[in-house]
Amino acid sequence: MPIAKPEDPEQLEDFATHIRILSWFFDDPSPLCPFSVHRMALIGKELGKEVGEWFGPSTAAGALKSVTIPIRRDKLTK
């Protein structure tokens, strides 16, 4: 289901923020998509897990921490 651009100009800023956050989850290995499966697999490798290997809670938490550190609040307000 496509996301429709709002017709109300006052909602455009919120829409742009929404799209920016969604782009973080795109299926792309780019650093611009920190929550993609590709990026999580790369971070997992850095934490000692091979691609396709199960991430336990500790590795998953470490991977999420690694991808969220570079995302600061200013990326939401630009």
PDB file of N, CA and C in Angstrom:
ATOM      1  N   MET A   1       0.839  -1.176   0.000  1.00  0.00           N
ATOM      2  CA  MET A   1       0.000   0.000   0.000  1.00  0.00           C
ATOM      3  C   MET A   1       0.888   1.246   0.000  1.00  0.00           C
ATOM      4  N   PRO A   2       0.810   2.066  -1.020  1.00  0.00           N
ATOM      5  CA  PRO A   2       1.629   3.269  -1.085  1.00  0.00           C
ATOM      6  C   PRO A   2       1.218   4.282  -0.008  1.00  0.00           C
ATOM      7  N   ILE A   3       2.178   5.062   0.396  1.00  0.00           N
ATOM      8  CA  ILE A   3       1.909   6.110   1.384  1.00  0.00           C
ATOM      9  C   ILE A   3       1.575   7.376   0.617  1.00  0.00           C
ATOM     10  N   ALA A   4       0.413   7.913   0.889  1.00  0.00           N
ATOM     11  CA  ALA A   4      -0.043   9.099   0.169  1.00  0.00           C
ATOM     12  C   ALA A   4       0.480  10.372   0.821  1.00  0.00           C
ATOM     13  N   LYS A   5       0.985  11.265  -0.003  1.00  0.00           N
ATOM     14  CA  LYS A   5       1.441  12.567   0.466  1.00  0.00           C
ATOM     15  C   LYS A   5       0.218  13.353   0.935  1.00  0.00           C
ATOM     16  N   PRO A   6       0.293  13.966   2.116  1.00  0.00           N
ATOM     17  CA  PRO A   6      -0.874  14.706   2.608  1.00  0.00           C
ATOM     18  C   PRO A   6      -1.166  15.935   1.746  1.00  0.00           C
ATOM     19  N   GLU A   7      -2.418  16.241   1.636  1.00  0.00           N
ATOM     20  CA  GLU A   7      -2.824  17.415   0.852  1.00  0.00           C
ATOM     21  C   GLU A   7      -2.676  18.698   1.659  1.00  0.00           C
ATOM     22  N   ASP A   8      -2.746  18.580   2.978  1.00  0.00           N
ATOM     23  CA  ASP A   8      -2.630  19.739   3.866  1.00  0.00           C
ATOM     24  C   ASP A   8      -1.160  20.137   3.990  1.00  0.00           C
ATOM     25  N   PRO A   9      -0.778  21.334   3.549  1.00  0.00           N
ATOM     26  CA  PRO A   9       0.628  21.763   3.613  1.00  0.00           C
ATOM     27  C   PRO A   9       1.199  21.747   5.034  1.00  0.00           C
ATOM     28  N   GLU A  10       0.353  21.928   6.034  1.00  0.00           N
ATOM     29  CA  GLU A  10       0.817  21.932   7.417  1.00  0.00           C
ATOM     30  C   GLU A  10       1.287  20.539   7.860  1.00  0.00           C
ATOM     31  N   GLN A  11       0.882  19.512   7.156  1.00  0.00           N
ATOM     32  CA  GLN A  11       1.263  18.153   7.522  1.00  0.00           C
ATOM     33  C   GLN A  11       2.485  17.660   6.752  1.00  0.00           C
ATOM     34  N   LEU A  12       3.019  18.467   5.842  1.00  0.00           N
ATOM     35  CA  LEU A  12       4.146  18.043   5.016  1.00  0.00           C
ATOM     36  C   LEU A  12       5.412  17.780   5.831  1.00  0.00           C
ATOM     37  N   GLU A  13       5.690  18.578   6.839  1.00  0.00           N
ATOM     38  CA  GLU A  13       6.889  18.379   7.655  1.00  0.00           C
ATOM     39  C   GLU A  13       6.815  17.041   8.406  1.00  0.00           C
ATOM     40  N   ASP A  14       5.654  16.756   8.989  1.00  0.00           N
ATOM     41  CA  ASP A  14       5.472  15.471   9.676  1.00  0.00           C
ATOM     42  C   ASP A  14       5.587  14.309   8.690  1.00  0.00           C
ATOM     43  N   PHE A  15       5.052  14.492   7.502  1.00  0.00           N
ATOM     44  CA  PHE A  15       5.132  13.459   6.467  1.00  0.00           C
ATOM     45  C   PHE A  15       6.592  13.198   6.089  1.00  0.00           C
ATOM     46  N   ALA A  16       7.373  14.260   5.917  1.00  0.00           N
ATOM     47  CA  ALA A  16       8.787  14.117   5.564  1.00  0.00           C
ATOM     48  C   ALA A  16       9.547  13.376   6.667  1.00  0.00           C
ATOM     49  N   THR A  17       9.257  13.677   7.915  1.00  0.00           N
ATOM     50  CA  THR A  17       9.893  12.975   9.035  1.00  0.00           C
ATOM     51  C   THR A  17       9.504  11.504   9.023  1.00  0.00           C
ATOM     52  N   HIS A  18       8.251  11.224   8.765  1.00  0.00           N
ATOM     53  CA  HIS A  18       7.754   9.848   8.695  1.00  0.00           C
ATOM     54  C   HIS A  18       8.502   9.068   7.605  1.00  0.00           C
ATOM     55  N   ILE A  19       8.634   9.658   6.435  1.00  0.00           N
ATOM     56  CA  ILE A  19       9.330   9.011   5.322  1.00  0.00           C
ATOM     57  C   ILE A  19      10.807   8.811   5.658  1.00  0.00           C
ATOM     58  N   ARG A  20      11.422   9.804   6.288  1.00  0.00           N
ATOM     59  CA  ARG A  20      12.835   9.681   6.665  1.00  0.00           C
ATOM     60  C   ARG A  20      13.038   8.500   7.611  1.00  0.00           C
ATOM     61  N   ILE A  21      12.177   8.360   8.601  1.00  0.00           N
ATOM     62  CA  ILE A  21      12.289   7.239   9.547  1.00  0.00           C
ATOM     63  C   ILE A  21      12.054   5.913   8.828  1.00  0.00           C
ATOM     64  N   LEU A  22      11.062   5.844   7.963  1.00  0.00           N
ATOM     65  CA  LEU A  22      10.822   4.614   7.202  1.00  0.00           C
ATOM     66  C   LEU A  22      12.042   4.230   6.359  1.00  0.00           C
ATOM     67  N   SER A  23      12.735   5.225   5.823  1.00  0.00           N
ATOM     68  CA  SER A  23      13.899   4.933   4.973  1.00  0.00           C
ATOM     69  C   SER A  23      15.012   4.244   5.752  1.00  0.00           C
ATOM     70  N   TRP A  24      15.051   4.395   7.048  1.00  0.00           N
ATOM     71  CA  TRP A  24      16.068   3.734   7.864  1.00  0.00           C
ATOM     72  C   TRP A  24      15.909   2.214   7.826  1.00  0.00           C
ATOM     73  N   PHE A  25      14.735   1.732   7.441  1.00  0.00           N
ATOM     74  CA  PHE A  25      14.450   0.296   7.434  1.00  0.00           C
ATOM     75  C   PHE A  25      14.469  -0.307   6.027  1.00  0.00           C
ATOM     76  N   PHE A  26      14.766   0.494   5.000  1.00  0.00           N
ATOM     77  CA  PHE A  26      14.812  -0.030   3.631  1.00  0.00           C
ATOM     78  C   PHE A  26      15.790  -1.192   3.548  1.00  0.00           C
ATOM     79  N   ASP A  27      15.526  -2.114   2.647  1.00  0.00           N
ATOM     80  CA  ASP A  27      16.362  -3.306   2.478  1.00  0.00           C
ATOM     81  C   ASP A  27      17.566  -2.955   1.609  1.00  0.00           C
ATOM     82  N   ASP A  28      18.516  -2.258   2.209  1.00  0.00           N
ATOM     83  CA  ASP A  28      19.682  -1.763   1.488  1.00  0.00           C
ATOM     84  C   ASP A  28      20.867  -1.762   2.454  1.00  0.00           C
ATOM     85  N   PRO A  29      22.052  -2.153   2.000  1.00  0.00           N
ATOM     86  CA  PRO A  29      23.204  -2.179   2.900  1.00  0.00           C
ATOM     87  C   PRO A  29      23.790  -0.796   3.213  1.00  0.00           C
ATOM     88  N   SER A  30      23.235   0.239   2.646  1.00  0.00           N
ATOM     89  CA  SER A  30      23.741   1.592   2.843  1.00  0.00           C
ATOM     90  C   SER A  30      23.686   2.011   4.310  1.00  0.00           C
ATOM     91  N   PRO A  31      24.678   2.794   4.764  1.00  0.00           N
ATOM     92  CA  PRO A  31      24.612   3.350   6.122  1.00  0.00           C
ATOM     93  C   PRO A  31      23.407   4.270   6.317  1.00  0.00           C
ATOM     94  N   LEU A  32      22.794   4.701   5.211  1.00  0.00           N
ATOM     95  CA  LEU A  32      21.588   5.525   5.316  1.00  0.00           C
ATOM     96  C   LEU A  32      20.374   4.707   5.745  1.00  0.00           C
ATOM     97  N   CYS A  33      20.515   3.371   5.754  1.00  0.00           N
ATOM     98  CA  CYS A  33      19.446   2.452   6.155  1.00  0.00           C
ATOM     99  C   CYS A  33      19.955   1.600   7.327  1.00  0.00           C
ATOM    100  N   PRO A  34      20.146   2.220   8.501  1.00  0.00           N
ATOM    101  CA  PRO A  34      20.814   1.519   9.593  1.00  0.00           C
ATOM    102  C   PRO A  34      20.066   0.306  10.131  1.00  0.00           C
ATOM    103  N   PHE A  35      18.764   0.235   9.948  1.00  0.00           N
ATOM    104  CA  PHE A  35      17.997  -0.884  10.486  1.00  0.00           C
ATOM    105  C   PHE A  35      17.664  -1.945   9.448  1.00  0.00           C
ATOM    106  N   SER A  36      18.341  -1.900   8.291  1.00  0.00           N
ATOM    107  CA  SER A  36      18.089  -2.912   7.272  1.00  0.00           C
ATOM    108  C   SER A  36      18.657  -4.251   7.723  1.00  0.00           C
ATOM    109  N   VAL A  37      18.152  -5.320   7.155  1.00  0.00           N
ATOM    110  CA  VAL A  37      18.663  -6.653   7.452  1.00  0.00           C
ATOM    111  C   VAL A  37      20.144  -6.718   7.095  1.00  0.00           C
ATOM    112  N   HIS A  38      20.526  -6.083   5.993  1.00  0.00           N
ATOM    113  CA  HIS A  38      21.926  -6.064   5.575  1.00  0.00           C
ATOM    114  C   HIS A  38      22.823  -5.456   6.654  1.00  0.00           C
ATOM    115  N   ARG A  39      22.432  -4.293   7.138  1.00  0.00           N
ATOM    116  CA  ARG A  39      23.248  -3.607   8.151  1.00  0.00           C
ATOM    117  C   ARG A  39      23.306  -4.418   9.434  1.00  0.00           C
ATOM    118  N   MET A  40      22.178  -5.001   9.836  1.00  0.00           N
ATOM    119  CA  MET A  40      22.174  -5.809  11.059  1.00  0.00           C
ATOM    120  C   MET A  40      23.101  -7.014  10.897  1.00  0.00           C
ATOM    121  N   ALA A  41      23.123  -7.619   9.711  1.00  0.00           N
ATOM    122  CA  ALA A  41      24.009  -8.759   9.464  1.00  0.00           C
ATOM    123  C   ALA A  41      25.475  -8.322   9.522  1.00  0.00           C
ATOM    124  N   LEU A  42      25.792  -7.155   8.962  1.00  0.00           N
ATOM    125  CA  LEU A  42      27.159  -6.646   9.007  1.00  0.00           C
ATOM    126  C   LEU A  42      27.599  -6.346  10.441  1.00  0.00           C
ATOM    127  N   ILE A  43      26.726  -5.757  11.209  1.00  0.00           N
ATOM    128  CA  ILE A  43      27.036  -5.477  12.616  1.00  0.00           C
ATOM    129  C   ILE A  43      27.196  -6.794  13.372  1.00  0.00           C
ATOM    130  N   GLY A  44      26.358  -7.768  13.074  1.00  0.00           N
ATOM    131  CA  GLY A  44      26.471  -9.086  13.702  1.00  0.00           C
ATOM    132  C   GLY A  44      27.827  -9.711  13.452  1.00  0.00           C
ATOM    133  N   LYS A  45      28.333  -9.556  12.225  1.00  0.00           N
ATOM    134  CA  LYS A  45      29.671 -10.074  11.898  1.00  0.00           C
ATOM    135  C   LYS A  45      30.723  -9.402  12.776  1.00  0.00           C
ATOM    136  N   GLU A  46      30.577  -8.100  12.979  1.00  0.00           N
ATOM    137  CA  GLU A  46      31.512  -7.378  13.848  1.00  0.00           C
ATOM    138  C   GLU A  46      31.440  -7.890  15.288  1.00  0.00           C
ATOM    139  N   LEU A  47      30.279  -8.414  15.658  1.00  0.00           N
ATOM    140  CA  LEU A  47      30.087  -8.934  17.012  1.00  0.00           C
ATOM    141  C   LEU A  47      30.338 -10.434  17.104  1.00  0.00           C
ATOM    142  N   GLY A  48      30.877 -11.020  16.015  1.00  0.00           N
ATOM    143  CA  GLY A  48      31.274 -12.426  16.049  1.00  0.00           C
ATOM    144  C   GLY A  48      30.239 -13.417  15.548  1.00  0.00           C
ATOM    145  N   LYS A  49      29.191 -12.956  14.915  1.00  0.00           N
ATOM    146  CA  LYS A  49      28.168 -13.856  14.367  1.00  0.00           C
ATOM    147  C   LYS A  49      28.250 -13.861  12.848  1.00  0.00           C
ATOM    148  N   GLU A  50      28.185 -15.024  12.255  1.00  0.00           N
ATOM    149  CA  GLU A  50      28.191 -15.129  10.798  1.00  0.00           C
ATOM    150  C   GLU A  50      26.800 -14.809  10.251  1.00  0.00           C
ATOM    151  N   VAL A  51      26.753 -14.356   8.997  1.00  0.00           N
ATOM    152  CA  VAL A  51      25.472 -14.091   8.348  1.00  0.00           C
ATOM    153  C   VAL A  51      24.666 -15.387   8.336  1.00  0.00           C
ATOM    154  N   GLY A  52      23.435 -15.320   8.776  1.00  0.00           N
ATOM    155  CA  GLY A  52      22.569 -16.500   8.852  1.00  0.00           C
ATOM    156  C   GLY A  52      22.584 -17.158  10.211  1.00  0.00           C
ATOM    157  N   GLU A  53      23.545 -16.807  11.048  1.00  0.00           N
ATOM    158  CA  GLU A  53      23.619 -17.374  12.397  1.00  0.00           C
ATOM    159  C   GLU A  53      22.652 -16.626  13.313  1.00  0.00           C
ATOM    160  N   TRP A  54      22.065 -17.358  14.228  1.00  0.00           N
ATOM    161  CA  TRP A  54      21.075 -16.787  15.142  1.00  0.00           C
ATOM    162  C   TRP A  54      21.724 -15.751  16.057  1.00  0.00           C
ATOM    163  N   PHE A  55      21.076 -14.603  16.218  1.00  0.00           N
ATOM    164  CA  PHE A  55      21.499 -13.593  17.194  1.00  0.00           C
ATOM    165  C   PHE A  55      20.734 -13.870  18.480  1.00  0.00           C
ATOM    166  N   GLY A  56      21.428 -14.136  19.539  1.00  0.00           N
ATOM    167  CA  GLY A  56      20.781 -14.245  20.846  1.00  0.00           C
ATOM    168  C   GLY A  56      20.447 -12.848  21.347  1.00  0.00           C
ATOM    169  N   PRO A  57      19.809 -12.753  22.496  1.00  0.00           N
ATOM    170  CA  PRO A  57      19.414 -11.442  23.025  1.00  0.00           C
ATOM    171  C   PRO A  57      20.589 -10.477  23.208  1.00  0.00           C
ATOM    172  N   SER A  58      21.711 -10.982  23.664  1.00  0.00           N
ATOM    173  CA  SER A  58      22.867 -10.115  23.897  1.00  0.00           C
ATOM    174  C   SER A  58      23.423  -9.561  22.580  1.00  0.00           C
ATOM    175  N   THR A  59      23.573 -10.424  21.570  1.00  0.00           N
ATOM    176  CA  THR A  59      24.076  -9.970  20.274  1.00  0.00           C
ATOM    177  C   THR A  59      23.078  -9.031  19.613  1.00  0.00           C
ATOM    178  N   ALA A  60      21.790  -9.358  19.697  1.00  0.00           N
ATOM    179  CA  ALA A  60      20.766  -8.490  19.098  1.00  0.00           C
ATOM    180  C   ALA A  60      20.789  -7.107  19.752  1.00  0.00           C
ATOM    181  N   ALA A  61      20.905  -7.071  21.077  1.00  0.00           N
ATOM    182  CA  ALA A  61      20.960  -5.786  21.783  1.00  0.00           C
ATOM    183  C   ALA A  61      22.218  -5.013  21.391  1.00  0.00           C
ATOM    184  N   GLY A  62      23.345  -5.719  21.266  1.00  0.00           N
ATOM    185  CA  GLY A  62      24.583  -5.067  20.848  1.00  0.00           C
ATOM    186  C   GLY A  62      24.485  -4.513  19.440  1.00  0.00           C
ATOM    187  N   ALA A  63      23.852  -5.266  18.549  1.00  0.00           N
ATOM    188  CA  ALA A  63      23.680  -4.806  17.168  1.00  0.00           C
ATOM    189  C   ALA A  63      22.781  -3.571  17.123  1.00  0.00           C
ATOM    190  N   LEU A  64      21.695  -3.606  17.854  1.00  0.00           N
ATOM    191  CA  LEU A  64      20.794  -2.443  17.878  1.00  0.00           C
ATOM    192  C   LEU A  64      21.486  -1.217  18.470  1.00  0.00           C
ATOM    193  N   LYS A  65      22.272  -1.445  19.511  1.00  0.00           N
ATOM    194  CA  LYS A  65      23.018  -0.333  20.102  1.00  0.00           C
ATOM    195  C   LYS A  65      23.976   0.267  19.070  1.00  0.00           C
ATOM    196  N   SER A  66      24.658  -0.597  18.340  1.00  0.00           N
ATOM    197  CA  SER A  66      25.618  -0.128  17.336  1.00  0.00           C
ATOM    198  C   SER A  66      24.966   0.687  16.235  1.00  0.00           C
ATOM    199  N   VAL A  67      23.771   0.308  15.823  1.00  0.00           N
ATOM    200  CA  VAL A  67      23.124   1.058  14.730  1.00  0.00           C
ATOM    201  C   VAL A  67      22.412   2.303  15.225  1.00  0.00           C
ATOM    202  N   THR A  68      22.065   2.360  16.504  1.00  0.00           N
ATOM    203  CA  THR A  68      21.343   3.537  16.997  1.00  0.00           C
ATOM    204  C   THR A  68      22.261   4.644  17.487  1.00  0.00           C
ATOM    205  N   ILE A  69      23.498   4.316  17.852  1.00  0.00           N
ATOM    206  CA  ILE A  69      24.407   5.353  18.347  1.00  0.00           C
ATOM    207  C   ILE A  69      24.563   6.501  17.351  1.00  0.00           C
ATOM    208  N   PRO A  70      24.762   6.209  16.048  1.00  0.00           N
ATOM    209  CA  PRO A  70      24.934   7.334  15.111  1.00  0.00           C
ATOM    210  C   PRO A  70      23.659   8.145  14.850  1.00  0.00           C
ATOM    211  N   ILE A  71      22.513   7.628  15.218  1.00  0.00           N
ATOM    212  CA  ILE A  71      21.260   8.338  14.967  1.00  0.00           C
ATOM    213  C   ILE A  71      20.985   9.248  16.146  1.00  0.00           C
ATOM    214  N   ARG A  72      21.177  10.533  15.892  1.00  0.00           N
ATOM    215  CA  ARG A  72      20.935  11.513  16.948  1.00  0.00           C
ATOM    216  C   ARG A  72      19.630  12.232  16.669  1.00  0.00           C
ATOM    217  N   ARG A  73      19.144  12.886  17.683  1.00  0.00           N
ATOM    218  CA  ARG A  73      17.893  13.616  17.550  1.00  0.00           C
ATOM    219  C   ARG A  73      17.932  14.624  16.405  1.00  0.00           C
ATOM    220  N   ASP A  74      19.100  15.197  16.121  1.00  0.00           N
ATOM    221  CA  ASP A  74      19.150  16.208  15.058  1.00  0.00           C
ATOM    222  C   ASP A  74      18.818  15.620  13.694  1.00  0.00           C
ATOM    223  N   LYS A  75      18.944  14.300  13.523  1.00  0.00           N
ATOM    224  CA  LYS A  75      18.564  13.707  12.247  1.00  0.00           C
ATOM    225  C   LYS A  75      17.051  13.717  12.080  1.00  0.00           C
ATOM    226  N   LEU A  76      16.325  13.826  13.188  1.00  0.00           N
ATOM    227  CA  LEU A  76      14.867  13.882  13.101  1.00  0.00           C
ATOM    228  C   LEU A  76      14.383  15.312  12.878  1.00  0.00           C
ATOM    229  N   THR A  77      15.190  16.280  13.247  1.00  0.00           N
ATOM    230  CA  THR A  77      14.716  17.652  13.185  1.00  0.00           C
ATOM    231  C   THR A  77      15.254  18.432  11.989  1.00  0.00           C
ATOM    232  N   LYS A  78      16.089  17.812  11.158  1.00  0.00           N
ATOM    233  CA  LYS A  78      16.605  18.510   9.979  1.00  0.00           C
ATOM    234  C   LYS A  78      15.567  18.576   8.894  1.00  0.00           C
TER     235      LYS A  78
END
